[in-house]
Protein backbone atom coordinates (compact mmCIF):
# COMPACT_ATOMS: atom_id res chain seq x y z
CA MET A 1 0.11 -0.10 -0.17
CA GLY A 2 3.01 2.42 1.18
CA THR A 3 2.37 5.57 1.66
CA ARG A 4 -0.54 8.44 1.57
CA ARG A 5 0.26 12.29 2.00
CA PHE A 6 -2.01 14.52 4.01
CA ARG A 7 -2.82 18.21 3.31
CA ILE A 8 -4.27 19.19 6.52
CA ARG A 9 -5.80 23.62 6.22
CA VAL A 10 -8.73 23.81 8.27
CA PRO A 11 -10.49 21.77 10.42
CA GLU A 12 -12.27 18.73 7.97
CA ASP A 13 -9.07 18.64 6.97
CA LEU A 14 -8.23 17.80 10.57
CA GLY A 15 -10.59 15.41 11.20
CA ARG A 16 -10.37 12.92 7.84
CA THR A 17 -7.16 12.04 8.49
CA VAL A 18 -7.45 10.81 11.91
CA ALA A 19 -10.88 9.38 11.28
CA GLU A 20 -8.87 7.10 7.71
CA ALA A 21 -5.17 6.57 9.85
CA ARG A 22 -7.46 5.43 12.62
CA ARG A 23 -9.52 2.69 10.22
CA ALA A 24 -6.02 2.35 8.26
CA ARG A 25 -5.08 0.85 11.65
CA GLU A 26 -8.10 -0.52 12.32
CA LEU A 27 -8.94 0.88 15.75
CA THR A 28 -12.40 1.92 17.04
CA GLN A 29 -12.83 5.52 18.13
CA GLU A 30 -12.51 4.29 20.79
CA GLU A 31 -9.42 2.04 21.30
CA LEU A 32 -8.04 5.32 20.32
CA ALA A 33 -9.23 7.86 22.97
CA GLN A 34 -8.37 5.28 25.47
CA ALA A 35 -4.36 4.89 24.02
CA THR A 36 -4.64 8.96 23.96
CA GLY A 37 -6.67 9.48 27.14
CA LEU A 38 -8.29 11.38 24.98
CA ASP A 39 -12.37 11.51 25.31
CA ARG A 40 -14.29 9.85 23.36
CA THR A 41 -16.78 12.55 22.12
CA TYR A 42 -13.52 14.67 21.38
CA LEU A 43 -12.54 12.59 18.83
CA ALA A 44 -15.80 11.80 17.44
CA ARG A 45 -15.81 15.83 17.17
CA LEU A 46 -12.33 16.21 15.88
CA GLU A 47 -13.38 13.12 13.00
CA ALA A 48 -16.55 15.18 12.36
CA GLY A 49 -14.76 17.96 11.54
CA GLY A 50 -15.27 20.05 14.74
CA SER A 51 -12.51 22.20 15.90
CA THR A 52 -11.50 23.59 18.42
CA ILE A 53 -10.40 27.31 19.16
CA GLN A 54 -6.75 26.49 19.34
CA ILE A 55 -7.46 23.80 15.97
CA GLU A 56 -9.09 26.67 13.78
CA ARG A 57 -6.79 29.46 15.57
CA THR A 58 -3.37 27.84 14.79
CA LEU A 59 -4.61 26.54 10.87
CA ARG A 60 -5.94 30.22 10.17
CA LEU A 61 -2.46 30.86 11.79
CA LEU A 62 -0.67 28.96 9.98
CA GLN A 63 -2.12 30.05 6.34
CA GLU A 64 -1.33 33.02 6.60
CA LEU A 65 1.93 33.03 7.00
CA GLY A 66 2.50 30.69 4.17
CA VAL A 67 2.74 27.05 5.93
CA SER A 68 1.28 24.28 4.93
CA ILE A 69 0.17 21.44 7.50
CA GLU A 70 1.30 17.84 5.90
CA ALA A 71 0.91 14.10 7.27
CA GLU A 72 2.07 11.19 6.69
CA LEU A 73 0.07 7.66 6.79
CA THR A 74 2.14 4.98 6.52
CA ASP A 75 1.39 1.31 6.36
CA ASP A 76 3.65 0.07 9.36
CA GLY A 77 2.60 2.40 12.36
């Protein structure tokens, strides 16, 4: 399968990336939440494109500066 790259410009991009990476690892939201110490409802909101003020502000700041964020999903975890 290789490596997939995801460009993250808005909170929705981040949510899609997290959801796809979680599914690729065959994890449920509950399992990922437990592994990271996050609340499952937060994770669900994040995957659905919901944002926190911090994420939204950070992405807006980076966009203004011409900085992009890319996530890389590899087969080897």
